Amino acid sequence: MEKYRDVLKTSELFTGLRQDEILSLLKCLDGKLVNLKKGEHVLSQGDSIESISLLLSGKVHIESTDFWGGRNILSVIREGEIFAEAYAFDRAKALNDVIAAEDSTVLFLNAGKVLRTCSSSCPFHATLIDNLFYILARKNRLLVQKISQVTKRSTREKVLSYLSDQAKKEGCASFSIPFDRQALADYLAVDRSALSSVLSHLRDEKIIEFHKNEFKLLSKRV
């Protein structure tokens, strides 16, 4: 676990906790490390979820796949972030797949033990629960934001809404996004060729500049 010391310390889940307190909690919560190769499933639709998952390295996508194999990326999980906590606490089966977008390491924590403090009644366990509820609230806000993006009527409006939100999030007109073109199309639920066409038009109109996943907003929306 020493290898992931910095990630654990900077994770929102452990905000306000010392390293020794974090290690104590991991033992209390039956922490288990799993290494995955790019493309492997962390979780699959229909799986029974009993653990909160914390990404220690790499990147994973939460995806939905329809009957015909069409893919939609619902969320991107980065190092230090948790996922599947809603299923774990609800004792529900996963509705979506969680897939490693690159080689990744995931830490699984027993959800039942997260909410039930141990006999020692560690004060830092209460801090963990406070952090968890903060994360849940933030994720709810992000979900509302994505709904606003993908319910726009046109591909152009979806793209502009997404890029605007990213710029506001970074507090800068220049920023990078965590998607390649296909992944961005899947995230926004649009056709890749339509996405590429919109991006090209926005560049020609001098509204944006971009290179791969690096973007810069140049002017007000037209």
C-alpha atoms as a PDB file:
ATOM      1  CA  MET A   1       0.000   0.000   0.000  1.00  0.00           C
ATOM      2  CA  GLU A   2       3.009   2.277   0.452  1.00  0.00           C
ATOM      3  CA  LYS A   3       3.158   2.621  -3.355  1.00  0.00           C
ATOM      4  CA  TYR A   4      -0.191   4.431  -3.298  1.00  0.00           C
ATOM      5  CA  ARG A   5       0.476   6.583  -0.265  1.00  0.00           C
ATOM      6  CA  ASP A   6       0.196   9.899  -2.126  1.00  0.00           C
ATOM      7  CA  VAL A   7      -3.031   8.913  -3.911  1.00  0.00           C
ATOM      8  CA  LEU A   8      -4.650   7.837  -0.654  1.00  0.00           C
ATOM      9  CA  LYS A   9      -3.592  11.021   1.111  1.00  0.00           C
ATOM     10  CA  THR A  10      -5.028  13.274  -1.624  1.00  0.00           C
ATOM     11  CA  SER A  11      -8.249  11.313  -2.155  1.00  0.00           C
ATOM     12  CA  GLU A  12     -11.388  13.176  -1.092  1.00  0.00           C
ATOM     13  CA  LEU A  13     -12.465  10.055   0.779  1.00  0.00           C
ATOM     14  CA  PHE A  14      -9.617  10.530   3.268  1.00  0.00           C
ATOM     15  CA  THR A  15      -9.571  14.319   3.531  1.00  0.00           C
ATOM     16  CA  GLY A  16      -8.458  15.439   6.991  1.00  0.00           C
ATOM     17  CA  LEU A  17      -6.914  12.086   7.950  1.00  0.00           C
ATOM     18  CA  ARG A  18      -3.298  11.284   8.750  1.00  0.00           C
ATOM     19  CA  GLN A  19      -1.479   8.489   6.965  1.00  0.00           C
ATOM     20  CA  ASP A  20      -1.561   6.222  10.008  1.00  0.00           C
ATOM     21  CA  GLU A  21      -5.322   6.815  10.359  1.00  0.00           C
ATOM     22  CA  ILE A  22      -5.866   5.953   6.697  1.00  0.00           C
ATOM     23  CA  LEU A  23      -3.932   2.703   7.022  1.00  0.00           C
ATOM     24  CA  SER A  24      -5.886   1.821  10.135  1.00  0.00           C
ATOM     25  CA  LEU A  25      -9.154   2.402   8.281  1.00  0.00           C
ATOM     26  CA  LEU A  26      -8.069   0.276   5.323  1.00  0.00           C
ATOM     27  CA  LYS A  27      -7.448  -2.621   7.672  1.00  0.00           C
ATOM     28  CA  CYS A  28     -10.762  -2.051   9.436  1.00  0.00           C
ATOM     29  CA  LEU A  29     -12.621  -1.932   6.087  1.00  0.00           C
ATOM     30  CA  ASP A  30     -10.989  -5.094   4.696  1.00  0.00           C
ATOM     31  CA  GLY A  31      -9.197  -3.203   1.916  1.00  0.00           C
ATOM     32  CA  LYS A  32      -8.390  -5.400  -1.084  1.00  0.00           C
ATOM     33  CA  LEU A  33      -6.225  -4.445  -4.081  1.00  0.00           C
ATOM     34  CA  VAL A  34      -7.044  -5.644  -7.614  1.00  0.00           C
ATOM     35  CA  ASN A  35      -4.914  -4.960 -10.700  1.00  0.00           C
ATOM     36  CA  LEU A  36      -6.605  -4.781 -14.099  1.00  0.00           C
ATOM     37  CA  LYS A  37      -5.429  -4.572 -17.693  1.00  0.00           C
ATOM     38  CA  LYS A  38      -6.881  -2.085 -20.174  1.00  0.00           C
ATOM     39  CA  GLY A  39     -10.258  -3.334 -21.375  1.00  0.00           C
ATOM     40  CA  GLU A  40     -10.925  -5.603 -18.401  1.00  0.00           C
ATOM     41  CA  HIS A  41     -14.158  -5.272 -16.457  1.00  0.00           C
ATOM     42  CA  VAL A  42     -13.874  -3.934 -12.938  1.00  0.00           C
ATOM     43  CA  LEU A  43     -17.589  -4.583 -12.525  1.00  0.00           C
ATOM     44  CA  SER A  44     -20.185  -5.952 -14.934  1.00  0.00           C
ATOM     45  CA  GLN A  45     -23.866  -5.260 -15.341  1.00  0.00           C
ATOM     46  CA  GLY A  46     -25.788  -7.557 -13.003  1.00  0.00           C
ATOM     47  CA  ASP A  47     -22.972  -7.947 -10.487  1.00  0.00           C
ATOM     48  CA  SER A  48     -23.933  -7.787  -6.819  1.00  0.00           C
ATOM     49  CA  ILE A  49     -22.030  -4.887  -5.282  1.00  0.00           C
ATOM     50  CA  GLU A  50     -20.850  -5.053  -1.679  1.00  0.00           C
ATOM     51  CA  SER A  51     -17.788  -2.807  -1.831  1.00  0.00           C
ATOM     52  CA  ILE A  52     -16.928   0.828  -2.401  1.00  0.00           C
ATOM     53  CA  SER A  53     -14.264   1.028  -5.100  1.00  0.00           C
ATOM     54  CA  LEU A  54     -11.386   3.517  -4.968  1.00  0.00           C
ATOM     55  CA  LEU A  55      -9.199   3.965  -8.041  1.00  0.00           C
ATOM     56  CA  LEU A  56      -5.523   4.062  -7.041  1.00  0.00           C
ATOM     57  CA  SER A  57      -3.988   4.184 -10.517  1.00  0.00           C
ATOM     58  CA  GLY A  58      -5.120   4.355 -14.128  1.00  0.00           C
ATOM     59  CA  LYS A  59      -8.552   5.356 -15.395  1.00  0.00           C
ATOM     60  CA  VAL A  60     -11.893   3.566 -15.653  1.00  0.00           C
ATOM     61  CA  HIS A  61     -15.123   4.276 -17.534  1.00  0.00           C
ATOM     62  CA  ILE A  62     -18.639   3.647 -16.325  1.00  0.00           C
ATOM     63  CA  GLU A  63     -20.474   2.550 -19.465  1.00  0.00           C
ATOM     64  CA  SER A  64     -23.910   1.460 -20.605  1.00  0.00           C
ATOM     65  CA  THR A  65     -24.302  -0.823 -23.610  1.00  0.00           C
ATOM     66  CA  ASP A  66     -27.566  -1.331 -25.472  1.00  0.00           C
ATOM     67  CA  PHE A  67     -28.912  -4.524 -27.052  1.00  0.00           C
ATOM     68  CA  TRP A  68     -27.056  -3.828 -30.318  1.00  0.00           C
ATOM     69  CA  GLY A  69     -23.729  -3.045 -28.692  1.00  0.00           C
ATOM     70  CA  GLY A  70     -23.982   0.736 -28.784  1.00  0.00           C
ATOM     71  CA  ARG A  71     -21.853   2.275 -26.039  1.00  0.00           C
ATOM     72  CA  ASN A  72     -22.443   5.351 -23.911  1.00  0.00           C
ATOM     73  CA  ILE A  73     -19.828   6.550 -21.420  1.00  0.00           C
ATOM     74  CA  LEU A  74     -21.695   7.726 -18.348  1.00  0.00           C
ATOM     75  CA  SER A  75     -18.711   8.786 -16.289  1.00  0.00           C
ATOM     76  CA  VAL A  76     -14.919   8.798 -16.151  1.00  0.00           C
ATOM     77  CA  ILE A  77     -13.213   7.804 -12.891  1.00  0.00           C
ATOM     78  CA  ARG A  78      -9.712   9.110 -12.198  1.00  0.00           C
ATOM     79  CA  GLU A  79      -7.064   8.314  -9.594  1.00  0.00           C
ATOM     80  CA  GLY A  80      -8.232   8.953  -6.041  1.00  0.00           C
ATOM     81  CA  GLU A  81     -11.949   8.860  -6.930  1.00  0.00           C
ATOM     82  CA  ILE A  82     -14.516   6.355  -5.693  1.00  0.00           C
ATOM     83  CA  PHE A  83     -17.260   4.595  -7.630  1.00  0.00           C
ATOM     84  CA  ALA A  84     -20.065   2.019  -7.197  1.00  0.00           C
ATOM     85  CA  GLU A  85     -20.827   3.361  -3.721  1.00  0.00           C
ATOM     86  CA  ALA A  86     -24.524   3.915  -4.509  1.00  0.00           C
ATOM     87  CA  TYR A  87     -24.963   0.259  -5.498  1.00  0.00           C
ATOM     88  CA  ALA A  88     -23.010  -0.930  -2.479  1.00  0.00           C
ATOM     89  CA  PHE A  89     -25.129   0.989   0.028  1.00  0.00           C
ATOM     90  CA  ASP A  90     -28.392   0.110  -1.731  1.00  0.00           C
ATOM     91  CA  ARG A  91     -27.340  -3.544  -1.963  1.00  0.00           C
ATOM     92  CA  ALA A  92     -28.384  -3.408  -5.613  1.00  0.00           C
ATOM     93  CA  LYS A  93     -27.011  -5.109  -8.702  1.00  0.00           C
ATOM     94  CA  ALA A  94     -24.953  -3.019 -11.092  1.00  0.00           C
ATOM     95  CA  LEU A  95     -26.917  -1.482 -13.946  1.00  0.00           C
ATOM     96  CA  ASN A  96     -23.794  -0.649 -15.948  1.00  0.00           C
ATOM     97  CA  ASP A  97     -20.308  -1.914 -16.738  1.00  0.00           C
ATOM     98  CA  VAL A  98     -17.158  -0.439 -15.221  1.00  0.00           C
ATOM     99  CA  ILE A  99     -14.222  -0.993 -17.562  1.00  0.00           C
ATOM    100  CA  ALA A 100     -10.532  -0.160 -17.239  1.00  0.00           C
ATOM    101  CA  ALA A 101      -9.747   2.500 -19.861  1.00  0.00           C
ATOM    102  CA  GLU A 102      -6.051   1.820 -19.182  1.00  0.00           C
ATOM    103  CA  ASP A 103      -4.077  -0.453 -16.880  1.00  0.00           C
ATOM    104  CA  SER A 104      -5.497   0.278 -13.432  1.00  0.00           C
ATOM    105  CA  THR A 105      -5.408  -0.649  -9.759  1.00  0.00           C
ATOM    106  CA  VAL A 106      -8.594  -0.596  -7.692  1.00  0.00           C
ATOM    107  CA  LEU A 107      -9.001  -0.766  -3.916  1.00  0.00           C
ATOM    108  CA  PHE A 108     -12.218  -2.414  -2.711  1.00  0.00           C
ATOM    109  CA  LEU A 109     -13.576  -1.406   0.709  1.00  0.00           C
ATOM    110  CA  ASN A 110     -16.328  -3.256   2.569  1.00  0.00           C
ATOM    111  CA  ALA A 111     -19.378  -0.967   2.313  1.00  0.00           C
ATOM    112  CA  GLY A 112     -21.101  -2.428   5.358  1.00  0.00           C
ATOM    113  CA  LYS A 113     -18.117  -1.661   7.550  1.00  0.00           C
ATOM    114  CA  VAL A 114     -17.900   1.883   6.209  1.00  0.00           C
ATOM    115  CA  LEU A 115     -21.242   2.824   7.746  1.00  0.00           C
ATOM    116  CA  ARG A 116     -20.882   0.742  10.901  1.00  0.00           C
ATOM    117  CA  THR A 117     -18.101   1.991  13.138  1.00  0.00           C
ATOM    118  CA  CYS A 118     -15.969  -0.679  14.749  1.00  0.00           C
ATOM    119  CA  SER A 119     -15.816  -1.456  18.480  1.00  0.00           C
ATOM    120  CA  SER A 120     -12.954   1.016  18.820  1.00  0.00           C
ATOM    121  CA  SER A 121     -15.275   3.852  17.683  1.00  0.00           C
ATOM    122  CA  CYS A 122     -12.364   5.597  15.937  1.00  0.00           C
ATOM    123  CA  PRO A 123     -13.024   9.361  15.626  1.00  0.00           C
ATOM    124  CA  PHE A 124     -11.452   9.337  12.160  1.00  0.00           C
ATOM    125  CA  HIS A 125     -14.087   6.835  11.011  1.00  0.00           C
ATOM    126  CA  ALA A 126     -16.682   9.588  11.491  1.00  0.00           C
ATOM    127  CA  THR A 127     -14.522  11.853   9.311  1.00  0.00           C
ATOM    128  CA  LEU A 128     -14.571   9.180   6.599  1.00  0.00           C
ATOM    129  CA  ILE A 129     -18.388   9.108   6.662  1.00  0.00           C
ATOM    130  CA  ASP A 130     -18.550  12.911   6.455  1.00  0.00           C
ATOM    131  CA  ASN A 131     -16.230  12.830   3.437  1.00  0.00           C
ATOM    132  CA  LEU A 132     -18.344  10.150   1.811  1.00  0.00           C
ATOM    133  CA  PHE A 133     -21.532  12.190   2.034  1.00  0.00           C
ATOM    134  CA  TYR A 134     -19.732  15.217   0.608  1.00  0.00           C
ATOM    135  CA  ILE A 135     -18.618  13.103  -2.377  1.00  0.00           C
ATOM    136  CA  LEU A 136     -22.154  11.818  -2.922  1.00  0.00           C
ATOM    137  CA  ALA A 137     -23.484  15.388  -2.959  1.00  0.00           C
ATOM    138  CA  ARG A 138     -20.833  16.488  -5.469  1.00  0.00           C
ATOM    139  CA  LYS A 139     -21.568  13.530  -7.737  1.00  0.00           C
ATOM    140  CA  ASN A 140     -25.234  14.448  -7.704  1.00  0.00           C
ATOM    141  CA  ARG A 141     -24.346  17.947  -8.890  1.00  0.00           C
ATOM    142  CA  LEU A 142     -22.200  16.511 -11.707  1.00  0.00           C
ATOM    143  CA  LEU A 143     -25.027  14.210 -12.760  1.00  0.00           C
ATOM    144  CA  VAL A 144     -27.363  17.189 -13.067  1.00  0.00           C
ATOM    145  CA  GLN A 145     -24.684  18.931 -15.148  1.00  0.00           C
ATOM    146  CA  LYS A 146     -24.357  15.996 -17.536  1.00  0.00           C
ATOM    147  CA  ILE A 147     -28.113  15.731 -17.956  1.00  0.00           C
ATOM    148  CA  SER A 148     -28.082  19.395 -18.967  1.00  0.00           C
ATOM    149  CA  GLN A 149     -25.378  18.651 -21.568  1.00  0.00           C
ATOM    150  CA  VAL A 150     -26.801  15.539 -23.220  1.00  0.00           C
ATOM    151  CA  THR A 151     -30.391  16.806 -23.383  1.00  0.00           C
ATOM    152  CA  LYS A 152     -29.418  19.682 -25.674  1.00  0.00           C
ATOM    153  CA  ARG A 153     -31.160  19.348 -29.025  1.00  0.00           C
ATOM    154  CA  SER A 154     -28.197  19.399 -31.402  1.00  0.00           C
ATOM    155  CA  THR A 155     -24.696  18.003 -31.434  1.00  0.00           C
ATOM    156  CA  ARG A 156     -23.348  21.551 -31.629  1.00  0.00           C
ATOM    157  CA  GLU A 157     -25.230  22.578 -28.490  1.00  0.00           C
ATOM    158  CA  LYS A 158     -24.053  19.467 -26.630  1.00  0.00           C
ATOM    159  CA  VAL A 159     -20.431  20.141 -27.566  1.00  0.00           C
ATOM    160  CA  LEU A 160     -20.588  23.819 -26.600  1.00  0.00           C
ATOM    161  CA  SER A 161     -22.305  23.008 -23.311  1.00  0.00           C
ATOM    162  CA  TYR A 162     -19.685  20.381 -22.447  1.00  0.00           C
ATOM    163  CA  LEU A 163     -16.716  22.580 -23.373  1.00  0.00           C
ATOM    164  CA  SER A 164     -18.191  25.543 -21.501  1.00  0.00           C
ATOM    165  CA  ASP A 165     -18.628  23.444 -18.357  1.00  0.00           C
ATOM    166  CA  GLN A 166     -15.046  22.157 -18.629  1.00  0.00           C
ATOM    167  CA  ALA A 167     -13.676  25.683 -18.968  1.00  0.00           C
ATOM    168  CA  LYS A 168     -15.665  26.849 -15.928  1.00  0.00           C
ATOM    169  CA  LYS A 169     -14.503  23.824 -13.966  1.00  0.00           C
ATOM    170  CA  GLU A 170     -10.838  24.568 -14.736  1.00  0.00           C
ATOM    171  CA  GLY A 171     -11.283  28.332 -14.375  1.00  0.00           C
ATOM    172  CA  CYS A 172      -9.452  28.824 -17.644  1.00  0.00           C
ATOM    173  CA  ALA A 173     -10.235  29.035 -21.367  1.00  0.00           C
ATOM    174  CA  SER A 174      -7.538  26.432 -22.067  1.00  0.00           C
ATOM    175  CA  PHE A 175      -7.975  22.909 -20.728  1.00  0.00           C
ATOM    176  CA  SER A 176      -7.671  19.219 -21.510  1.00  0.00           C
ATOM    177  CA  ILE A 177     -10.495  16.671 -21.506  1.00  0.00           C
ATOM    178  CA  PRO A 178     -10.257  12.999 -20.465  1.00  0.00           C
ATOM    179  CA  PHE A 179     -11.600  11.667 -23.793  1.00  0.00           C
ATOM    180  CA  ASP A 180     -10.434  10.836 -27.288  1.00  0.00           C
ATOM    181  CA  ARG A 181     -12.928  11.555 -30.103  1.00  0.00           C
ATOM    182  CA  GLN A 182     -14.796   8.263 -29.883  1.00  0.00           C
ATOM    183  CA  ALA A 183     -15.035   8.416 -26.101  1.00  0.00           C
ATOM    184  CA  LEU A 184     -16.290  12.017 -26.245  1.00  0.00           C
ATOM    185  CA  ALA A 185     -18.936  10.983 -28.781  1.00  0.00           C
ATOM    186  CA  ASP A 186     -19.977   8.141 -26.491  1.00  0.00           C
ATOM    187  CA  TYR A 187     -20.106  10.479 -23.495  1.00  0.00           C
ATOM    188  CA  LEU A 188     -22.288  13.027 -25.284  1.00  0.00           C
ATOM    189  CA  ALA A 189     -24.373  10.322 -26.997  1.00  0.00           C
ATOM    190  CA  VAL A 190     -23.675  11.615 -30.502  1.00  0.00           C
ATOM    191  CA  ASP A 191     -22.290  10.157 -33.730  1.00  0.00           C
ATOM    192  CA  ARG A 192     -18.502  10.407 -33.971  1.00  0.00           C
ATOM    193  CA  SER A 193     -18.541  11.804 -37.530  1.00  0.00           C
ATOM    194  CA  ALA A 194     -21.116  14.421 -36.480  1.00  0.00           C
ATOM    195  CA  LEU A 195     -18.923  15.337 -33.517  1.00  0.00           C
ATOM    196  CA  SER A 196     -15.850  15.741 -35.714  1.00  0.00           C
ATOM    197  CA  SER A 197     -17.823  17.896 -38.144  1.00  0.00           C
ATOM    198  CA  VAL A 198     -19.084  20.174 -35.356  1.00  0.00           C
ATOM    199  CA  LEU A 199     -15.603  20.576 -33.891  1.00  0.00           C
ATOM    200  CA  SER A 200     -14.219  21.486 -37.311  1.00  0.00           C
ATOM    201  CA  HIS A 201     -16.952  24.063 -37.878  1.00  0.00           C
ATOM    202  CA  LEU A 202     -16.396  25.604 -34.446  1.00  0.00           C
ATOM    203  CA  ARG A 203     -12.682  25.872 -35.209  1.00  0.00           C
ATOM    204  CA  ASP A 204     -13.377  27.467 -38.628  1.00  0.00           C
ATOM    205  CA  GLU A 205     -15.710  29.958 -36.918  1.00  0.00           C
ATOM    206  CA  LYS A 206     -12.850  30.797 -34.519  1.00  0.00           C
ATOM    207  CA  ILE A 207     -14.902  29.807 -31.489  1.00  0.00           C
ATOM    208  CA  ILE A 208     -12.448  27.116 -30.374  1.00  0.00           C
ATOM    209  CA  GLU A 209      -8.966  25.790 -31.013  1.00  0.00           C
ATOM    210  CA  PHE A 210      -8.031  22.194 -30.312  1.00  0.00           C
ATOM    211  CA  HIS A 211      -5.372  19.570 -30.746  1.00  0.00           C
ATOM    212  CA  LYS A 212      -6.346  16.033 -29.765  1.00  0.00           C
ATOM    213  CA  ASN A 213      -7.779  16.421 -26.249  1.00  0.00           C
ATOM    214  CA  GLU A 214      -6.439  19.960 -25.656  1.00  0.00           C
ATOM    215  CA  PHE A 215      -8.987  22.748 -26.143  1.00  0.00           C
ATOM    216  CA  LYS A 216      -9.101  26.525 -25.987  1.00  0.00           C
ATOM    217  CA  LEU A 217     -12.269  28.638 -26.097  1.00  0.00           C
ATOM    218  CA  LEU A 218     -11.765  31.777 -28.179  1.00  0.00           C
ATOM    219  CA  SER A 219     -15.012  33.681 -28.262  1.00  0.00           C
ATOM    220  CA  LYS A 220     -18.597  33.772 -27.187  1.00  0.00           C
ATOM    221  CA  ARG A 221     -20.948  31.170 -28.548  1.00  0.00           C
ATOM    222  CA  VAL A 222     -22.538  32.074 -31.900  1.00  0.00           C
END
